[in-house]
Protein backbone atom coordinates (compact mmCIF):
# COMPACT_ATOMS: atom_id res chain seq x y z
CA MET A 1 -54.95 45.81 -17.86
CA GLY A 2 -53.76 42.66 -16.08
CA THR A 3 -55.00 39.09 -16.35
CA LEU A 4 -58.63 37.88 -17.02
CA VAL A 5 -59.97 34.45 -16.94
CA MET A 6 -63.33 33.84 -18.94
CA LYS A 7 -65.19 30.79 -18.46
CA PHE A 8 -67.99 29.74 -20.75
CA GLY A 9 -70.52 26.99 -19.62
CA GLY A 10 -72.35 24.27 -21.58
CA THR A 11 -75.10 26.56 -22.75
CA SER A 12 -72.86 29.53 -23.65
CA VAL A 13 -70.78 27.12 -25.83
CA GLY A 14 -73.70 24.86 -26.69
CA GLY A 15 -73.62 25.34 -30.56
CA ALA A 16 -72.54 27.19 -33.52
CA GLN A 17 -74.57 30.47 -32.59
CA ALA A 18 -73.62 30.50 -28.93
CA ILE A 19 -70.01 29.89 -29.62
CA VAL A 20 -70.02 32.87 -32.22
CA LEU A 21 -71.28 35.11 -29.15
CA ALA A 22 -68.59 33.67 -26.93
CA ALA A 23 -65.94 34.37 -29.37
CA ASP A 24 -67.01 38.01 -29.82
CA LEU A 25 -67.10 38.51 -26.16
CA VAL A 26 -63.63 37.46 -25.96
CA ARG A 27 -62.54 39.67 -28.69
CA GLN A 28 -64.23 42.64 -27.06
CA GLU A 29 -62.00 42.22 -24.13
CA VAL A 30 -58.82 41.51 -26.01
CA GLY A 31 -57.81 45.32 -25.82
CA ASN A 32 -58.93 45.76 -22.35
CA TRP A 33 -56.58 43.10 -20.74
CA GLN A 34 -52.96 42.15 -21.05
CA HIS A 35 -53.67 38.47 -20.67
CA ILE A 36 -56.94 36.48 -21.31
CA ALA A 37 -57.42 32.75 -20.52
CA ILE A 38 -60.47 30.98 -21.68
CA VAL A 39 -62.15 27.90 -20.06
CA VAL A 40 -64.69 26.12 -22.13
CA SER A 41 -67.33 23.13 -21.02
CA ALA A 42 -68.48 20.81 -23.50
CA MET A 43 -71.32 21.61 -25.63
CA ARG A 44 -74.60 21.34 -23.84
CA GLY A 45 -75.90 17.52 -23.62
CA VAL A 46 -72.48 15.80 -24.87
CA THR A 47 -71.11 14.97 -21.58
CA ASP A 48 -74.59 13.26 -20.52
CA ALA A 49 -74.33 11.49 -23.86
CA LEU A 50 -70.98 10.38 -23.37
CA ILE A 51 -71.63 9.02 -20.00
CA GLN A 52 -74.84 7.32 -21.08
CA GLY A 53 -73.01 5.47 -23.71
CA ALA A 54 -70.27 4.18 -21.52
CA THR A 55 -72.81 3.26 -18.77
CA LEU A 56 -75.16 1.12 -21.17
CA ALA A 57 -72.08 -0.36 -22.88
CA ALA A 58 -71.01 -1.68 -19.53
CA GLN A 59 -74.42 -3.25 -19.09
CA GLY A 60 -74.16 -5.12 -22.22
CA ASP A 61 -75.78 -2.65 -24.74
CA ASP A 62 -73.43 -2.71 -27.75
CA HIS A 63 -75.55 -0.26 -29.91
CA THR A 64 -76.42 2.88 -28.01
CA TYR A 65 -73.02 4.32 -28.01
CA ARG A 66 -72.48 3.70 -31.72
CA GLY A 67 -75.63 5.89 -32.38
CA ILE A 68 -74.27 8.47 -29.99
CA VAL A 69 -71.06 8.59 -32.15
CA SER A 70 -73.24 9.35 -34.99
CA ASP A 71 -75.20 11.99 -33.32
CA LEU A 72 -72.06 13.76 -31.94
CA ARG A 73 -70.49 13.70 -35.18
CA VAL A 74 -73.40 15.36 -36.99
CA LYS A 75 -73.84 18.01 -34.10
CA HIS A 76 -70.10 19.06 -34.10
CA THR A 77 -69.92 18.81 -37.98
CA LEU A 78 -72.87 21.19 -38.43
CA ALA A 79 -71.33 23.40 -35.89
CA VAL A 80 -67.86 23.56 -37.47
CA ALA A 81 -69.61 24.38 -41.00
CA GLU A 82 -71.25 27.60 -39.27
CA LEU A 83 -68.16 28.56 -37.62
CA LEU A 84 -65.32 28.31 -40.00
CA ASP A 85 -65.24 29.28 -43.80
CA ASP A 86 -61.80 28.12 -44.67
CA PRO A 87 -61.96 24.58 -46.14
CA GLY A 88 -58.44 23.73 -44.79
CA ALA A 89 -59.07 24.78 -41.23
CA ARG A 90 -62.57 22.94 -41.38
CA THR A 91 -60.90 19.77 -42.62
CA SER A 92 -58.06 19.87 -39.79
CA LEU A 93 -60.68 20.53 -37.07
CA LEU A 94 -63.14 17.65 -38.29
CA VAL A 95 -60.21 15.30 -38.41
CA ALA A 96 -59.41 15.99 -34.84
CA ILE A 97 -62.78 15.55 -33.71
CA GLU A 98 -63.30 12.35 -35.57
CA THR A 99 -60.09 11.11 -33.67
CA TYR A 100 -61.91 11.88 -30.14
CA LEU A 101 -65.18 10.21 -31.35
CA ASP A 102 -63.26 6.91 -32.35
CA GLU A 103 -61.51 6.97 -29.04
CA PHE A 104 -64.98 7.11 -27.46
CA ALA A 105 -66.09 4.22 -29.44
CA SER A 106 -62.89 2.27 -28.70
CA PHE A 107 -63.41 2.92 -25.01
CA CYS A 108 -67.10 1.75 -25.15
CA HIS A 109 -66.26 -1.34 -26.98
CA SER A 110 -63.74 -2.04 -24.24
CA VAL A 111 -66.08 -1.40 -21.40
CA HIS A 112 -68.87 -3.75 -23.26
CA VAL A 113 -66.27 -6.56 -23.42
CA LEU A 114 -65.14 -6.16 -19.71
CA GLY A 115 -68.86 -5.70 -18.57
CA GLU A 116 -68.02 -2.51 -16.27
CA VAL A 117 -66.75 0.94 -16.40
CA THR A 118 -64.49 1.93 -13.71
CA PRO A 119 -64.05 5.45 -12.36
CA ARG A 120 -61.00 5.98 -13.92
CA ALA A 121 -62.18 5.03 -17.40
CA MET A 122 -65.37 7.19 -16.89
CA ASP A 123 -62.98 10.07 -16.31
CA THR A 124 -61.47 9.37 -19.75
CA ILE A 125 -64.47 8.94 -21.50
CA SER A 126 -66.51 12.09 -20.09
CA SER A 127 -63.54 14.40 -20.55
CA LEU A 128 -63.82 14.03 -24.38
CA GLY A 129 -66.54 16.69 -24.55
CA GLU A 130 -64.38 19.46 -23.36
CA ARG A 131 -61.35 18.32 -25.51
CA ILE A 132 -63.48 18.58 -28.47
CA ASN A 133 -65.17 21.73 -27.68
CA ALA A 134 -61.76 23.67 -26.93
CA ARG A 135 -60.61 23.08 -30.22
CA VAL A 136 -63.84 24.18 -31.80
CA VAL A 137 -63.61 27.56 -29.67
CA ALA A 138 -59.95 27.84 -30.38
CA ALA A 139 -60.45 27.35 -34.24
CA ARG A 140 -63.17 29.96 -34.22
CA LEU A 141 -60.96 32.49 -32.37
CA GLN A 142 -58.30 31.68 -35.09
CA ALA A 143 -60.92 32.27 -37.83
CA MET A 144 -61.55 35.80 -36.27
CA GLY A 145 -57.71 36.78 -36.82
CA LEU A 146 -56.92 35.99 -32.95
CA ASP A 147 -53.87 33.73 -32.06
CA SER A 148 -55.35 31.02 -30.00
CA CYS A 149 -54.91 27.34 -29.06
CA ALA A 150 -56.43 24.72 -27.33
CA VAL A 151 -55.00 23.30 -24.04
CA ASP A 152 -55.83 20.23 -22.31
CA ALA A 153 -56.25 20.98 -18.50
CA THR A 154 -54.50 17.49 -17.87
CA GLU A 155 -51.23 19.34 -18.44
CA LEU A 156 -52.29 22.14 -16.13
CA ILE A 157 -54.54 21.29 -13.14
CA ILE A 158 -52.77 18.56 -11.20
CA THR A 159 -55.02 16.30 -8.87
CA ASP A 160 -54.90 13.44 -6.71
CA HIS A 161 -56.09 9.99 -7.95
CA ARG A 162 -59.79 10.31 -6.74
CA PHE A 163 -61.56 9.54 -9.98
CA GLN A 164 -64.83 11.42 -10.50
CA GLN A 165 -64.25 13.80 -7.83
CA ALA A 166 -60.34 14.72 -8.01
CA THR A 167 -59.16 17.28 -5.57
CA PRO A 168 -56.49 19.79 -7.05
CA LEU A 169 -53.05 20.01 -5.51
CA ALA A 170 -52.47 23.76 -5.49
CA ASP A 171 -48.75 23.96 -5.53
CA ALA A 172 -48.13 21.35 -8.24
CA THR A 173 -51.05 23.09 -10.20
CA ARG A 174 -49.43 26.57 -9.83
CA LEU A 175 -45.95 25.11 -11.19
CA ARG A 176 -47.54 23.60 -14.02
CA VAL A 177 -49.61 26.74 -14.98
CA GLN A 178 -46.58 29.02 -14.60
CA GLN A 179 -44.61 26.48 -17.02
CA HIS A 180 -47.26 25.65 -19.60
CA LEU A 181 -49.78 28.51 -19.72
CA ARG A 182 -47.91 31.82 -18.41
CA PRO A 183 -45.46 31.39 -21.62
CA LEU A 184 -48.50 31.22 -23.99
CA LEU A 185 -50.04 34.46 -22.54
CA ASP A 186 -46.75 36.28 -22.51
CA LYS A 187 -46.70 35.60 -26.35
CA GLY A 188 -50.49 37.06 -26.71
CA VAL A 189 -51.98 33.95 -27.32
CA LEU A 190 -55.49 33.06 -26.06
CA PRO A 191 -55.38 29.66 -24.67
CA VAL A 192 -58.80 27.91 -24.57
CA VAL A 193 -58.51 25.45 -21.65
CA THR A 194 -60.76 22.29 -20.94
CA GLY A 195 -62.98 22.80 -18.12
CA PHE A 196 -64.02 20.06 -15.83
CA ILE A 197 -60.94 17.92 -16.05
CA GLY A 198 -57.43 17.63 -14.64
CA GLY A 199 -54.73 15.17 -14.49
CA THR A 200 -52.55 13.09 -11.94
CA GLU A 201 -48.97 13.93 -11.56
CA ASP A 202 -48.19 10.98 -14.03
CA GLY A 203 -50.76 12.14 -16.58
CA ILE A 204 -53.94 10.15 -15.73
CA THR A 205 -56.99 11.98 -16.75
CA THR A 206 -59.26 12.93 -13.78
CA THR A 207 -62.37 14.98 -13.49
CA LEU A 208 -63.46 17.69 -10.78
CA GLY A 209 -67.03 16.50 -10.53
CA ARG A 210 -70.12 17.73 -12.51
CA GLY A 211 -70.13 21.40 -12.82
CA GLY A 212 -66.41 21.48 -12.36
CA SER A 213 -65.71 23.83 -15.24
CA ASP A 214 -66.44 26.75 -12.85
CA TYR A 215 -64.00 25.20 -10.44
CA SER A 216 -61.38 25.05 -13.09
CA ALA A 217 -61.66 28.79 -13.99
CA SER A 218 -61.34 29.54 -10.31
CA ILE A 219 -58.27 27.21 -9.96
CA LEU A 220 -56.61 28.51 -13.13
CA GLY A 221 -57.49 32.20 -11.83
CA ALA A 222 -55.80 31.57 -8.64
CA ALA A 223 -52.58 29.99 -10.18
CA LEU A 224 -52.26 32.90 -12.80
CA ASP A 225 -52.83 35.53 -9.96
CA ALA A 226 -55.56 36.72 -12.06
CA ASP A 227 -57.14 40.16 -11.50
CA GLU A 228 -60.71 38.88 -12.28
CA VAL A 229 -62.49 35.81 -13.22
CA TRP A 230 -65.76 35.75 -15.18
CA THR A 231 -68.03 32.71 -15.55
CA TRP A 232 -70.49 33.20 -18.41
CA THR A 233 -73.63 31.39 -18.24
CA ASP A 234 -77.40 31.62 -19.53
CA VAL A 235 -78.75 33.78 -16.56
CA ASP A 236 -78.00 37.64 -15.82
CA GLY A 237 -76.33 36.67 -12.63
CA VAL A 238 -76.88 35.28 -9.28
CA LEU A 239 -80.68 35.69 -8.55
CA THR A 240 -82.77 36.57 -5.33
CA ALA A 241 -84.46 33.17 -5.77
CA ASP A 242 -85.16 30.56 -8.29
CA PRO A 243 -87.08 32.38 -11.20
CA ARG A 244 -89.06 29.11 -11.89
CA ILE A 245 -90.49 29.50 -8.28
CA VAL A 246 -90.44 33.41 -8.10
CA PRO A 247 -90.85 34.79 -11.52
CA GLU A 248 -90.05 38.33 -10.13
CA ALA A 249 -86.61 37.18 -8.81
CA ARG A 250 -84.10 39.86 -9.65
CA VAL A 251 -80.21 39.97 -9.98
CA ILE A 252 -78.01 40.39 -6.93
CA PRO A 253 -75.46 43.09 -7.79
CA GLU A 254 -72.83 42.03 -5.32
CA LEU A 255 -72.18 39.12 -2.80
CA SER A 256 -69.56 38.16 -0.58
CA TYR A 257 -67.72 34.83 -0.93
CA ALA A 258 -69.36 33.57 2.11
CA GLU A 259 -72.84 34.44 0.71
CA ILE A 260 -72.32 32.69 -2.57
CA GLY A 261 -70.83 29.68 -0.87
CA GLU A 262 -74.03 29.36 1.29
CA LEU A 263 -76.16 29.81 -1.87
CA ALA A 264 -74.24 27.21 -3.89
CA TYR A 265 -74.43 24.89 -0.83
CA PHE A 266 -77.99 25.36 -0.31
CA GLY A 267 -79.27 24.74 -3.85
CA ALA A 268 -78.31 27.84 -6.17
CA LYS A 269 -77.45 26.36 -9.54
CA VAL A 270 -75.42 29.27 -10.96
CA LEU A 271 -71.89 28.22 -9.32
CA HIS A 272 -70.60 25.00 -8.57
CA PRO A 273 -70.19 24.79 -4.47
CA LYS A 274 -66.23 24.39 -4.73
CA THR A 275 -65.93 27.17 -7.37
CA ILE A 276 -64.97 29.98 -4.95
CA ARG A 277 -62.26 28.23 -2.70
CA PRO A 278 -59.28 28.94 -4.81
CA VAL A 279 -60.02 32.61 -5.50
CA ILE A 280 -60.99 33.23 -1.60
CA GLU A 281 -57.37 33.33 -0.35
CA GLN A 282 -56.36 35.75 -3.11
CA GLY A 283 -59.22 37.86 -3.04
CA ILE A 284 -59.86 37.61 -6.76
CA PRO A 285 -63.42 39.12 -7.74
CA LEU A 286 -65.51 36.61 -9.53
CA TRP A 287 -68.24 37.80 -11.86
CA VAL A 288 -71.29 35.74 -13.03
CA LYS A 289 -72.50 37.33 -16.30
CA ASN A 290 -75.08 36.11 -19.16
CA THR A 291 -73.43 35.29 -22.49
CA PHE A 292 -76.72 36.16 -24.24
CA ASN A 293 -77.41 39.30 -22.26
CA PRO A 294 -73.76 40.65 -22.07
CA THR A 295 -74.98 44.38 -21.37
CA CYS A 296 -76.43 43.18 -17.91
CA PRO A 297 -73.42 43.88 -15.46
CA GLY A 298 -74.13 40.43 -13.78
CA THR A 299 -73.11 39.66 -10.12
CA ARG A 300 -69.80 40.68 -8.58
CA ILE A 301 -68.37 38.26 -5.79
CA VAL A 302 -66.01 39.76 -3.52
CA SER A 303 -64.36 39.48 0.00
CA GLU A 304 -66.46 42.50 1.27
CA PRO A 305 -69.65 43.87 -0.51
CA THR A 306 -70.54 47.42 -0.14
CA GLY A 307 -74.16 46.49 0.33
CA THR A 308 -76.02 46.60 3.66
CA ARG A 309 -75.02 43.83 6.16
CA GLY A 310 -77.87 42.09 8.11
CA THR A 311 -80.51 41.99 5.06
CA VAL A 312 -81.59 38.71 3.43
CA LYS A 313 -80.25 38.80 -0.19
CA ALA A 314 -81.73 35.68 -1.36
CA VAL A 315 -83.64 32.38 -0.69
CA THR A 316 -82.98 29.03 -2.00
CA GLU A 317 -84.46 25.63 -1.56
CA ILE A 318 -83.15 21.94 -1.62
CA THR A 319 -85.67 19.13 -2.36
CA GLY A 320 -85.53 15.28 -2.15
CA LEU A 321 -84.69 15.30 1.39
CA SER A 322 -85.46 13.58 4.83
CA MET A 323 -84.95 14.46 8.37
CA VAL A 324 -83.58 11.85 10.64
CA THR A 325 -84.08 11.92 14.23
CA VAL A 326 -82.29 10.16 17.05
CA GLU A 327 -84.19 10.79 20.36
CA GLY A 328 -84.48 9.52 23.98
CA ARG A 329 -84.83 10.98 27.37
CA GLY A 330 -81.66 9.02 28.47
CA MET A 331 -79.34 10.56 25.97
CA MET A 332 -79.06 13.66 28.28
CA GLY A 333 -75.49 14.05 29.63
CA VAL A 334 -74.33 10.91 27.95
CA PRO A 335 -70.95 11.69 26.36
CA GLY A 336 -70.23 10.72 22.97
CA ILE A 337 -73.73 10.14 21.59
CA ALA A 338 -73.45 12.94 18.81
CA ALA A 339 -69.97 11.80 18.00
CA ARG A 340 -71.18 7.97 17.36
CA THR A 341 -74.34 9.34 15.61
CA PHE A 342 -72.33 11.19 12.93
CA ALA A 343 -69.69 8.39 12.61
CA ALA A 344 -72.57 5.94 11.93
CA VAL A 345 -73.80 8.42 9.18
CA ALA A 346 -70.53 8.97 7.72
CA SER A 347 -69.94 5.34 7.27
CA GLN A 348 -72.84 5.28 4.89
CA GLY A 349 -71.34 8.29 2.89
CA ALA A 350 -74.27 10.28 3.35
CA ASN A 351 -74.08 14.05 2.90
CA VAL A 352 -75.52 15.93 5.97
CA LEU A 353 -77.11 19.15 4.88
CA MET A 354 -78.25 20.50 8.22
CA ILE A 355 -78.09 19.61 11.99
CA SER A 356 -80.34 20.72 14.73
CA GLN A 357 -80.13 19.65 18.43
CA ALA A 358 -82.10 20.71 21.47
CA SER A 359 -80.21 22.13 24.37
CA SER A 360 -81.86 19.35 26.72
CA GLU A 361 -79.88 17.05 24.51
CA GLN A 362 -83.08 14.51 24.24
CA SER A 363 -82.76 14.65 20.47
CA ILE A 364 -80.58 15.03 17.53
CA CYS A 365 -81.95 15.82 14.10
CA PHE A 366 -80.17 16.06 10.81
CA VAL A 367 -81.29 16.34 7.17
CA ILE A 368 -79.89 13.89 4.44
CA PRO A 369 -81.08 12.90 1.03
CA THR A 370 -83.97 10.62 1.05
CA PRO A 371 -82.23 7.80 -0.78
CA ASP A 372 -79.59 7.65 2.13
CA VAL A 373 -82.26 7.05 4.80
CA ALA A 374 -82.62 3.49 4.95
CA PRO A 375 -78.74 2.54 5.12
CA VAL A 376 -78.18 5.61 7.68
CA ILE A 377 -81.01 4.16 9.89
CA ALA A 378 -79.68 0.86 9.99
CA ALA A 379 -75.98 1.98 10.54
CA LEU A 380 -77.68 4.31 13.53
CA GLU A 381 -79.44 1.34 15.11
CA GLY A 382 -76.48 -1.02 14.89
CA GLU A 383 -74.26 1.59 16.44
CA LEU A 384 -76.44 2.59 19.20
CA ALA A 385 -78.13 -0.87 19.79
CA LEU A 386 -77.01 -0.92 23.33
CA GLU A 387 -78.58 2.53 24.26
CA ILE A 388 -81.70 1.38 22.33
CA ALA A 389 -82.03 -1.82 24.42
CA ARG A 390 -81.43 -0.07 27.61
CA ARG A 391 -84.21 2.69 26.56
CA ASP A 392 -81.54 5.50 26.85
CA ILE A 393 -82.70 6.08 23.05
CA ASP A 394 -86.26 5.61 22.34
CA ARG A 395 -86.06 5.49 18.74
CA VAL A 396 -84.37 6.38 15.52
CA TRP A 397 -86.82 7.48 12.72
CA SER A 398 -87.35 9.70 9.58
CA MET A 399 -89.58 12.21 8.16
CA ASP A 400 -89.64 12.30 4.54
CA ASP A 401 -90.90 14.75 1.88
CA ILE A 402 -89.13 17.66 3.47
CA VAL A 403 -87.47 20.80 2.03
CA ILE A 404 -84.68 23.10 3.41
CA VAL A 405 -85.46 26.68 2.58
CA SER A 406 -82.48 29.01 3.40
CA ALA A 407 -82.61 32.84 3.82
CA VAL A 408 -78.91 34.17 2.98
CA GLY A 409 -77.46 37.49 3.74
CA ALA A 410 -74.22 38.40 5.48
CA GLY A 411 -74.56 39.30 9.26
CA LEU A 412 -78.06 37.88 9.81
CA ARG A 413 -76.98 36.57 13.17
CA GLY A 414 -75.95 39.96 14.41
CA THR A 415 -79.11 41.71 13.34
CA PRO A 416 -82.04 41.81 15.44
CA GLY A 417 -85.53 40.88 13.95
CA VAL A 418 -84.27 38.86 10.92
CA ALA A 419 -85.45 35.40 12.26
CA ALA A 420 -88.89 37.16 13.52
CA SER A 421 -89.59 38.55 9.96
CA LEU A 422 -88.90 35.08 8.46
CA PHE A 423 -91.33 33.32 10.99
CA ASN A 424 -93.99 36.06 10.70
CA ALA A 425 -93.85 35.73 6.73
CA LEU A 426 -94.26 31.95 7.01
CA ALA A 427 -96.94 32.22 9.98
CA ALA A 428 -98.98 34.60 7.65
CA GLU A 429 -99.48 31.63 5.30
CA ALA A 430 -99.84 28.78 8.06
CA ILE A 431 -96.61 27.47 7.14
CA ASN A 432 -95.08 25.09 9.83
CA VAL A 433 -91.27 25.12 10.56
CA ILE A 434 -90.29 21.78 11.48
CA ALA A 435 -86.70 22.56 12.33
CA ILE A 436 -84.30 25.48 12.23
CA ALA A 437 -80.66 26.01 12.17
CA GLN A 438 -78.19 28.83 11.87
CA GLY A 439 -74.54 28.42 10.96
CA SER A 440 -71.79 30.23 12.80
CA SER A 441 -70.75 32.20 9.66
CA GLU A 442 -73.92 34.49 10.22
CA CYS A 443 -74.69 34.23 6.54
CA ASN A 444 -77.77 31.85 6.47
CA ILE A 445 -80.82 30.73 8.46
CA SER A 446 -82.17 27.41 7.23
CA LEU A 447 -85.67 26.20 7.78
CA VAL A 448 -87.13 22.83 7.41
CA VAL A 449 -90.59 22.70 6.11
CA ASN A 450 -92.88 20.10 4.38
CA ALA A 451 -92.37 19.54 0.67
CA GLU A 452 -96.02 20.76 -0.21
CA GLN A 453 -95.23 24.00 1.55
CA ALA A 454 -91.87 24.59 0.52
CA VAL A 455 -92.90 26.74 -2.89
CA GLN A 456 -95.10 29.17 -0.90
CA ALA A 457 -92.43 29.34 1.84
CA VAL A 458 -89.96 30.47 -0.65
CA ARG A 459 -92.51 33.16 -2.16
CA GLN A 460 -93.42 34.28 1.11
CA ILE A 461 -89.78 34.87 2.14
CA HIS A 462 -89.04 36.72 -1.15
CA GLU A 463 -92.03 38.75 -1.16
CA LYS A 464 -92.14 39.72 2.69
CA VAL A 465 -88.54 39.50 3.71
CA ILE A 466 -86.38 40.43 0.69
CA ASN A 467 -88.66 42.61 -1.24
CA HIS A 468 -89.56 44.70 2.07
CA GLY A 469 -86.35 44.04 3.86
């Protein structure tokens, strides 16, 4: 007993059959928990369609969004027909859906007239898929005889005004959740909350970034002091590697918060990178489970796993990257070079995924997405123009087509031989390591390799280190 938050992603509520499975999973847990809150994404592909319609409307296209309205009307009408037998309930739900689709068309018409779509407007538009689907899922639960209602997270998750990537305000959110969600739970109602979205103190819709439904579930779990948060997806749990690269990848039964954070940051697609933050402080276990294979236990994410520390549990990769190097013999002992380097990088809004610096201080290397290279190098050359002119810095240059391959596992830094096993595995296939970095978290060792060798690097580490670790 206690409180459970169940989150269903886009594929898990992507159509009528998936919603039937999701609703059955909820019903199975009703007798096992005192309170259950449900978080849902939009149906698969809906948010992308809404964003496309608004974007093209702003560019002068007055037709595509109309076609999207028609497509979404058909998609949801067919789903409702399968999910609800009662004509009255079906009609009521379809009227609500039509209202949201009319809103979308109205927004897109306004965007078309104005010739631009602001971040605030895009948040409102892209939230409509979740608003619709929360009502569809709640209606299905009601049809099964369960007391359920849809709840917009704009009333619950209070955020700042940073549209498209809003940051939740923990204290305000907890207060709203206790005021609005707790009474429903205490009455035995199953609230179906919109994922991905929140709202400012004055009620303006915001979004938490793509993939933010996981984040929503974690935020609500923390605000409710939940006993567990389960995120339902279309894979059996967190895997030892991307199964498209390593077909024999397997489910990891248990991970620490730190390990899943590293995996999310370094390319694992199962969880949104921010998801774990709200549950860490309260030590709330987070499960990753498969809607379409519910008998599989999934992956449990906790503060301290019971597994062996010092072993590599997973290997991930991030593609589409370049490594920028600032180098020069005159850099040695010159204070502030690193600070100025990364201030210049930050001025361009570039995301630095990895940093490596030789102890001789003759070079600083860092990895960023390839599209950011040109503006970053220009900013660096401007910031360090005097040092370049004096030849303290010889050059600022980039190496493109590289990939970060990360080996993740708790306690790697304090375990002798782990780095050696990684290098030996790669050396056996003549894979060249361009740079290496290890975080103080002791949870990952990251290697930079050429893109053409990345797949083989991942497979080698999985076969030689993880499988034989």
